[in-house]
Amino acid sequence: MTEQRISNEVALRIALAARALPEVSIGDLIEALQSNLGDDLTEEFLSKITVTQLKTAFGNTYDLDGEEDGEDARSQDIAAFKEAVRILWGGASEEDRLPAIESHEEGEMPHSLRIAVASNNAEQLDGHFGSCLRYLIYQLSAEELRLIDIRSALEADLSDDKNGFRVNLIRDCHVLYIVSIGGPAAAKVIKAGIYPMKLEQGGSARSILTDLQQVILTSPPPWLAKVLGVAAGDRVKNYRAEEGAVKDKIAETV
């Protein structure tokens, strides 16, 4: 299988197309595309795929031409392939469009955090650690918030250690926001020195991170102040309530 780096846009199209095909995983779709149509997974490549090619790539996974499952099942399969091809061509809905990345150079934002947000749609915190489509990467200080990268998790489905692959994707981050995470995965995240923060209700990533900025401005817990590089003598003392809340968040994940 190719070691080609898949772009964020191609990863998005493939992930959404896989969702349109019943019982087809992201890995199944990538394997079908590469094994039967070629390794060059680019936007140009995807834009030239036809329904017939995609159906042929899956062989007998779908009985589109047979009659064993009846006309209704055959029509449903054809509709699924048409929808998948539309998505591969770039026809994803507006809510699936990726937000714009903001410029950032290392060292530009002193006393800042790097934060990963598990996301499936636009600029939302709405992803499970082990199944989200991507991680939104933010650089955050008390005064500023920038979306500096978007990292596709598509290739995690092709890895023997899916959780390990995902941890390596965000290893440079200090904090991870997710709506849910399993115990073994949480242990790997914590071992990598990343603080998992579980918010089951999810929501707008920017709104959630704006709330974190307020914590930084008012009473950051000691671990957060240490990451920010605030000298011990300058740290706000009234942090115990916030420290307890953070520990509760982390405890929920393990």
Protein backbone atom coordinates (compact mmCIF):
# COMPACT_ATOMS: atom_id res chain seq x y z
CA MET A 1 0.00 0.00 0.00
CA THR A 2 1.24 3.48 -0.80
CA GLU A 3 2.93 5.62 1.85
CA GLN A 4 1.67 8.76 0.14
CA ARG A 5 0.50 11.46 2.53
CA ILE A 6 -3.23 12.00 2.06
CA SER A 7 -4.33 15.64 2.09
CA ASN A 8 -6.99 16.89 4.50
CA GLU A 9 -9.45 17.44 1.66
CA VAL A 10 -8.96 13.94 0.22
CA ALA A 11 -9.22 12.43 3.71
CA LEU A 12 -12.46 14.29 4.31
CA ARG A 13 -14.00 13.11 1.04
CA ILE A 14 -13.02 9.48 1.62
CA ALA A 15 -14.28 9.46 5.20
CA LEU A 16 -17.64 10.95 4.24
CA ALA A 17 -17.97 8.67 1.19
CA ALA A 18 -17.36 5.61 3.39
CA ARG A 19 -20.23 6.73 5.62
CA ALA A 20 -22.52 6.77 2.59
CA LEU A 21 -21.79 3.09 1.86
CA PRO A 22 -23.45 0.71 4.35
CA GLU A 23 -21.03 -1.61 6.16
CA VAL A 24 -17.98 -0.08 4.43
CA SER A 25 -15.21 1.25 6.67
CA ILE A 26 -12.78 3.99 5.75
CA GLY A 27 -10.07 1.35 5.46
CA ASP A 28 -12.25 -0.77 3.14
CA LEU A 29 -12.81 2.20 0.83
CA ILE A 30 -9.13 3.17 0.70
CA GLU A 31 -8.15 -0.43 -0.05
CA ALA A 32 -10.74 -0.67 -2.81
CA LEU A 33 -9.60 2.61 -4.36
CA GLN A 34 -5.91 1.76 -4.24
CA SER A 35 -6.14 -1.92 -5.17
CA ASN A 36 -8.39 -1.43 -8.15
CA LEU A 37 -8.01 2.17 -9.28
CA GLY A 38 -4.49 3.20 -8.30
CA ASP A 39 -2.43 4.57 -5.42
CA ASP A 40 -2.53 8.24 -6.36
CA LEU A 41 -5.19 9.46 -3.93
CA THR A 42 -5.49 13.11 -4.93
CA GLU A 43 -8.42 15.44 -5.52
CA GLU A 44 -7.91 15.10 -9.26
CA PHE A 45 -7.95 11.31 -8.99
CA LEU A 46 -11.15 11.30 -6.93
CA SER A 47 -12.88 13.71 -9.33
CA LYS A 48 -12.58 11.18 -12.17
CA ILE A 49 -14.05 8.15 -10.40
CA THR A 50 -17.31 6.80 -11.85
CA VAL A 51 -20.08 4.81 -10.18
CA THR A 52 -19.20 1.80 -12.35
CA GLN A 53 -15.52 1.98 -11.35
CA LEU A 54 -16.34 2.20 -7.67
CA LYS A 55 -18.82 -0.67 -7.88
CA THR A 56 -16.26 -2.79 -9.74
CA ALA A 57 -13.60 -1.95 -7.14
CA PHE A 58 -15.76 -3.56 -4.49
CA GLY A 59 -16.40 -6.66 -6.62
CA ASN A 60 -19.31 -8.60 -5.22
CA THR A 61 -19.66 -6.60 -2.01
CA TYR A 62 -22.83 -5.16 -3.52
CA ASP A 63 -25.09 -7.14 -5.86
CA LEU A 64 -25.93 -4.14 -8.04
CA ASP A 65 -26.57 -6.16 -11.19
CA GLY A 66 -28.08 -9.28 -9.70
CA GLU A 67 -31.64 -9.99 -8.71
CA GLU A 68 -31.20 -12.06 -5.56
CA ASP A 69 -31.95 -9.19 -3.20
CA GLY A 70 -34.76 -7.75 -5.27
CA GLU A 71 -35.21 -4.46 -7.06
CA ASP A 72 -35.49 -2.35 -3.89
CA ALA A 73 -32.15 -3.52 -2.48
CA ARG A 74 -30.45 -3.04 -5.84
CA SER A 75 -31.82 0.52 -6.11
CA GLN A 76 -30.61 1.31 -2.61
CA ASP A 77 -27.11 0.08 -3.46
CA ILE A 78 -26.97 2.13 -6.65
CA ALA A 79 -28.13 5.22 -4.75
CA ALA A 80 -25.43 4.64 -2.12
CA PHE A 81 -22.72 4.41 -4.75
CA LYS A 82 -23.97 7.52 -6.52
CA GLU A 83 -23.90 9.45 -3.24
CA ALA A 84 -20.39 8.15 -2.45
CA VAL A 85 -19.10 9.23 -5.87
CA ARG A 86 -20.72 12.67 -5.47
CA ILE A 87 -18.84 13.09 -2.21
CA LEU A 88 -15.56 11.83 -3.69
CA TRP A 89 -15.93 14.46 -6.40
CA GLY A 90 -16.08 17.14 -3.70
CA GLY A 91 -19.81 17.49 -3.22
CA ALA A 92 -19.84 17.31 0.57
CA SER A 93 -22.39 19.48 2.34
CA GLU A 94 -21.54 22.95 3.66
CA GLU A 95 -21.39 21.80 7.28
CA ASP A 96 -18.67 19.32 6.34
CA ARG A 97 -16.37 22.05 4.95
CA LEU A 98 -13.14 22.51 6.84
CA PRO A 99 -12.47 25.82 8.61
CA ALA A 100 -9.58 28.01 7.48
CA ILE A 101 -6.19 27.49 9.10
CA GLU A 102 -4.57 30.59 10.61
CA SER A 103 -0.87 31.34 10.26
CA HIS A 104 1.38 30.58 13.20
CA GLU A 105 5.13 30.50 13.76
CA GLU A 106 6.71 28.77 16.72
CA GLY A 107 7.38 31.24 19.51
CA GLU A 108 4.83 33.80 18.29
CA MET A 109 2.51 33.27 21.26
CA PRO A 110 4.48 33.11 24.53
CA HIS A 111 2.74 31.48 27.49
CA SER A 112 0.39 29.55 25.21
CA LEU A 113 -1.05 26.05 25.03
CA ARG A 114 -1.46 23.73 22.06
CA ILE A 115 -4.84 22.04 22.14
CA ALA A 116 -6.34 19.21 20.08
CA VAL A 117 -10.11 19.01 19.59
CA ALA A 118 -11.72 15.78 18.31
CA SER A 119 -14.04 16.80 15.49
CA ASN A 120 -16.26 15.37 12.75
CA ASN A 121 -17.96 18.50 11.43
CA ALA A 122 -16.73 22.00 10.68
CA GLU A 123 -15.28 23.66 13.79
CA GLN A 124 -17.12 21.55 16.35
CA LEU A 125 -16.08 19.46 19.33
CA ASP A 126 -18.20 16.41 18.46
CA GLY A 127 -15.81 13.48 18.17
CA HIS A 128 -14.91 10.30 20.07
CA PHE A 129 -11.14 9.95 20.41
CA GLY A 130 -11.05 6.62 18.59
CA SER A 131 -13.40 7.42 15.71
CA CYS A 132 -13.32 11.17 14.99
CA LEU A 133 -12.44 12.20 11.44
CA ARG A 134 -9.86 14.77 12.46
CA TYR A 135 -8.27 16.82 15.22
CA LEU A 136 -8.48 20.60 15.15
CA ILE A 137 -5.23 22.00 16.54
CA TYR A 138 -5.34 25.35 18.31
CA GLN A 139 -2.70 27.60 19.82
CA LEU A 140 -4.23 29.37 22.79
CA SER A 141 -3.07 32.05 25.19
CA ALA A 142 -5.08 34.20 27.57
CA GLU A 143 -5.38 36.87 24.87
CA GLU A 144 -5.40 34.95 21.58
CA LEU A 145 -6.79 31.83 19.93
CA ARG A 146 -5.70 30.47 16.54
CA LEU A 147 -6.62 27.35 14.59
CA ILE A 148 -3.12 26.43 13.39
CA ASP A 149 -3.64 22.95 11.89
CA ILE A 150 -6.20 20.30 10.96
CA ARG A 151 -4.92 16.73 11.21
CA SER A 152 -6.84 13.96 9.51
CA ALA A 153 -7.23 10.74 11.50
CA LEU A 154 -8.15 8.78 8.38
CA GLU A 155 -4.95 6.75 8.29
CA ALA A 156 -5.46 5.58 11.89
CA ASP A 157 -7.93 3.01 10.53
CA LEU A 158 -5.07 1.43 8.56
CA SER A 159 -2.76 1.18 11.58
CA ASP A 160 -2.24 -1.91 13.73
CA ASP A 161 -2.33 0.37 16.78
CA LYS A 162 -5.15 2.80 16.07
CA ASN A 163 -5.01 4.54 19.45
CA GLY A 164 -1.22 4.82 19.29
CA PHE A 165 -1.45 6.36 15.82
CA ARG A 166 -3.95 8.94 17.09
CA VAL A 167 -1.80 9.80 20.11
CA ASN A 168 1.18 10.38 17.83
CA LEU A 169 -0.93 12.74 15.71
CA ILE A 170 -1.40 15.07 18.67
CA ARG A 171 1.75 14.35 20.68
CA ASP A 172 2.81 18.02 20.49
CA CYS A 173 -0.41 19.12 22.23
CA HIS A 174 -0.87 19.84 25.92
CA VAL A 175 -4.63 19.28 26.15
CA LEU A 176 -7.12 17.10 24.27
CA TYR A 177 -10.86 17.81 24.17
CA ILE A 178 -13.16 14.89 23.30
CA VAL A 179 -16.81 13.98 23.82
CA SER A 180 -15.78 10.47 24.86
CA ILE A 181 -12.74 8.22 25.18
CA GLY A 182 -12.16 4.66 26.34
CA GLY A 183 -10.01 3.74 29.32
CA PRO A 184 -7.04 2.20 27.43
CA ALA A 185 -6.95 5.14 25.01
CA ALA A 186 -7.10 7.65 27.86
CA ALA A 187 -4.17 5.91 29.52
CA LYS A 188 -2.09 6.31 26.35
CA VAL A 189 -3.07 9.97 26.05
CA ILE A 190 -2.07 10.69 29.65
CA LYS A 191 1.19 8.73 29.29
CA ALA A 192 2.06 11.02 26.35
CA GLY A 193 1.76 14.00 28.69
CA ILE A 194 -1.56 15.20 27.23
CA TYR A 195 -4.47 16.17 29.51
CA PRO A 196 -7.77 14.66 28.23
CA MET A 197 -10.81 16.85 28.87
CA LYS A 198 -14.12 15.09 28.24
CA LEU A 199 -17.16 17.24 27.44
CA GLU A 200 -19.99 14.87 26.52
CA GLN A 201 -22.26 17.65 25.31
CA GLY A 202 -19.65 18.91 22.85
CA GLY A 203 -20.28 22.23 21.14
CA SER A 204 -18.47 25.00 19.31
CA ALA A 205 -14.73 24.47 19.69
CA ARG A 206 -14.05 28.21 19.83
CA SER A 207 -16.68 28.80 22.50
CA ILE A 208 -15.28 26.00 24.64
CA LEU A 209 -11.74 27.29 24.27
CA THR A 210 -12.86 30.84 25.05
CA ASP A 211 -14.07 29.48 28.40
CA LEU A 212 -10.61 27.98 28.94
CA GLN A 213 -9.09 31.39 28.26
CA GLN A 214 -11.15 32.78 31.12
CA VAL A 215 -9.73 30.11 33.44
CA ILE A 216 -6.23 31.09 32.35
CA LEU A 217 -6.97 34.76 33.04
CA THR A 218 -8.54 34.23 36.45
CA SER A 219 -7.29 31.14 38.29
CA PRO A 220 -5.40 28.50 36.31
CA PRO A 221 -4.73 25.26 38.22
CA PRO A 222 -1.03 24.55 38.91
CA TRP A 223 -0.52 22.08 36.05
CA LEU A 224 -1.94 24.59 33.58
CA ALA A 225 0.11 27.46 34.95
CA LYS A 226 3.24 25.29 34.69
CA VAL A 227 2.55 24.46 31.02
CA LEU A 228 1.99 28.16 30.32
CA GLY A 229 5.38 28.97 31.81
CA VAL A 230 4.03 31.19 34.58
CA ALA A 231 6.52 31.54 37.42
CA ALA A 232 5.43 29.89 40.65
CA GLY A 233 5.46 33.19 42.55
CA ASP A 234 3.19 34.80 39.98
CA ARG A 235 0.54 32.09 39.83
CA VAL A 236 -2.93 32.92 41.10
CA LYS A 237 -3.53 31.19 44.41
CA ASN A 238 -7.27 30.71 44.15
CA TYR A 239 -7.12 27.60 42.02
CA ARG A 240 -8.43 24.73 44.15
CA ALA A 241 -11.94 24.64 42.70
CA GLU A 242 -10.60 24.68 39.16
CA GLU A 243 -7.99 22.04 39.98
CA GLY A 244 -10.70 19.77 41.33
CA ALA A 245 -12.83 20.30 38.23
CA VAL A 246 -9.92 19.43 35.94
CA LYS A 247 -9.13 16.30 37.92
CA ASP A 248 -12.79 15.28 37.69
CA LYS A 249 -12.68 15.72 33.93
CA ILE A 250 -9.59 13.56 33.66
CA ALA A 251 -11.00 10.95 36.06
CA GLU A 252 -14.08 10.57 33.85
CA THR A 253 -11.87 9.35 31.03
CA VAL A 254 -10.07 6.56 32.85
